[in-house]
Amino acid sequence: MKPPEPAVQTGVTIAATKTAFKPGILHDGGVFTSVQVTVTNNGDEKISINPLYFAITDTDESRHTAKLGEDKSQMDTTDLAPGENITGVITGEGSFTPKYVTYIDGLFGADVRGNVS
């Protein structure tokens, strides 16, 4: 398997790969699709990471918002200082083929997209 190709924009790098859904303790049924995401802060200021700041777009161009508490490897909520990175899972409801992941720095920040490999 080749490593994911990161997307670079606005000082943030996003790398994403499809991963198996692993039910967390809050999962109570249903079908979900998970993507492992690595976010790297290449900028000069801290950035905020929250699973709610991510969405997955599938190969049909349908957007899936992140579902909290479904996958046991869910992305943590934290701040990344310049040079730091974090890896976690973003999960969408349903069975679909993920095409890319979009991260929005905060609720009104710039979009950063990373293709799913």
Protein backbone atom coordinates (compact mmCIF):
# COMPACT_ATOMS: atom_id res chain seq x y z
CA MET A 1 0.00 0.00 0.00
CA LYS A 2 1.47 3.36 -0.98
CA PRO A 3 1.56 6.15 1.62
CA PRO A 4 -1.12 8.84 1.42
CA GLU A 5 -0.37 11.93 -0.62
CA PRO A 6 -0.78 15.02 1.55
CA ALA A 7 -2.54 18.15 0.38
CA VAL A 8 -0.91 21.42 1.41
CA GLN A 9 -2.83 24.69 1.76
CA THR A 10 -2.79 27.53 4.29
CA GLY A 11 0.00 25.98 6.37
CA VAL A 12 -1.94 22.78 7.08
CA THR A 13 -1.26 19.36 5.56
CA ILE A 14 -3.96 16.67 5.37
CA ALA A 15 -3.15 13.03 4.54
CA ALA A 16 -5.96 10.46 4.50
CA THR A 17 -6.37 6.72 3.95
CA LYS A 18 -9.46 4.52 4.10
CA THR A 19 -9.47 2.36 7.19
CA ALA A 20 -11.72 -0.30 8.66
CA PHE A 21 -14.54 0.95 10.90
CA LYS A 22 -13.93 -0.13 14.51
CA PRO A 23 -17.05 0.31 16.65
CA GLY A 24 -16.52 2.42 19.75
CA ILE A 25 -18.32 2.09 23.06
CA LEU A 26 -21.05 4.53 21.98
CA HIS A 27 -21.79 2.68 18.72
CA ASP A 28 -25.27 1.17 18.84
CA GLY A 29 -25.60 -0.21 15.33
CA GLY A 30 -25.70 0.96 11.78
CA VAL A 31 -23.22 1.12 8.93
CA PHE A 32 -20.31 3.58 8.97
CA THR A 33 -17.27 4.38 6.86
CA SER A 34 -14.01 5.54 8.44
CA VAL A 35 -10.98 7.42 7.13
CA GLN A 36 -7.68 7.74 8.99
CA VAL A 37 -6.52 11.35 8.82
CA THR A 38 -3.19 12.94 9.72
CA VAL A 39 -3.19 16.71 10.17
CA THR A 40 0.13 18.57 10.29
CA ASN A 41 0.42 22.22 11.26
CA ASN A 42 3.07 23.74 8.98
CA GLY A 43 1.98 27.29 9.79
CA ASP A 44 3.19 29.87 12.29
CA GLU A 45 0.17 29.79 14.62
CA LYS A 46 -1.66 27.08 16.55
CA ILE A 47 -4.69 25.45 14.95
CA SER A 48 -7.67 23.78 16.59
CA ILE A 49 -8.57 20.19 15.82
CA ASN A 50 -12.06 18.85 16.45
CA PRO A 51 -13.81 15.93 14.70
CA LEU A 52 -16.68 18.30 13.92
CA TYR A 53 -14.31 20.38 11.75
CA PHE A 54 -14.08 17.49 9.23
CA ALA A 55 -16.30 16.09 6.48
CA ILE A 56 -15.82 13.22 4.03
CA THR A 57 -16.85 13.55 0.38
CA ASP A 58 -17.49 10.31 -1.48
CA THR A 59 -16.92 9.34 -5.11
CA ASP A 60 -20.51 10.43 -5.93
CA GLU A 61 -19.63 13.93 -4.58
CA SER A 62 -21.96 13.46 -1.57
CA ARG A 63 -20.69 15.08 1.62
CA HIS A 64 -20.81 13.13 4.89
CA THR A 65 -20.47 15.03 8.17
CA ALA A 66 -18.38 13.47 10.92
CA LYS A 67 -20.30 11.29 13.36
CA LEU A 68 -19.05 11.49 16.94
CA GLY A 69 -18.41 8.50 19.17
CA GLU A 70 -18.88 5.82 16.53
CA ASP A 71 -15.28 4.71 15.83
CA LYS A 72 -13.00 3.87 18.77
CA SER A 73 -10.06 5.62 17.04
CA GLN A 74 -11.89 8.93 16.58
CA MET A 75 -9.79 12.07 16.07
CA ASP A 76 -9.08 13.86 19.37
CA THR A 77 -10.04 17.45 20.11
CA THR A 78 -6.86 19.45 20.67
CA ASP A 79 -4.73 22.37 19.54
CA LEU A 80 -1.67 21.80 17.35
CA ALA A 81 1.32 24.09 17.76
CA PRO A 82 3.41 24.88 14.68
CA GLY A 83 5.23 21.72 13.56
CA GLU A 84 2.95 19.31 15.44
CA ASN A 85 0.70 16.65 13.92
CA ILE A 86 -2.10 14.33 15.00
CA THR A 87 -3.62 11.18 13.52
CA GLY A 88 -7.14 9.95 14.16
CA VAL A 89 -10.24 8.63 12.45
CA ILE A 90 -13.12 10.58 10.94
CA THR A 91 -16.31 8.54 10.44
CA GLY A 92 -19.33 9.14 8.24
CA GLU A 93 -22.67 7.38 8.31
CA GLY A 94 -23.37 4.79 5.63
CA SER A 95 -21.34 2.65 3.29
CA PHE A 96 -19.52 4.71 0.67
CA THR A 97 -16.17 5.10 -1.07
CA PRO A 98 -14.39 8.16 0.36
CA LYS A 99 -12.75 10.48 -2.19
CA TYR A 100 -11.41 13.28 0.00
CA VAL A 101 -11.55 14.72 3.51
CA THR A 102 -12.13 18.41 4.16
CA TYR A 103 -10.88 20.15 7.31
CA ILE A 104 -12.06 23.63 8.26
CA ASP A 105 -9.78 25.44 10.72
CA GLY A 106 -12.42 26.41 13.29
CA LEU A 107 -15.99 27.10 12.32
CA PHE A 108 -15.15 29.91 9.91
CA GLY A 109 -11.59 29.16 8.80
CA ALA A 110 -10.18 28.15 5.44
CA ASP A 111 -10.97 24.73 3.95
CA VAL A 112 -8.11 22.27 3.51
CA ARG A 113 -8.72 19.14 1.46
CA GLY A 114 -6.79 15.88 1.38
CA ASN A 115 -7.43 13.08 -1.11
CA VAL A 116 -8.11 9.64 0.33
CA SER A 117 -5.68 7.01 -0.90
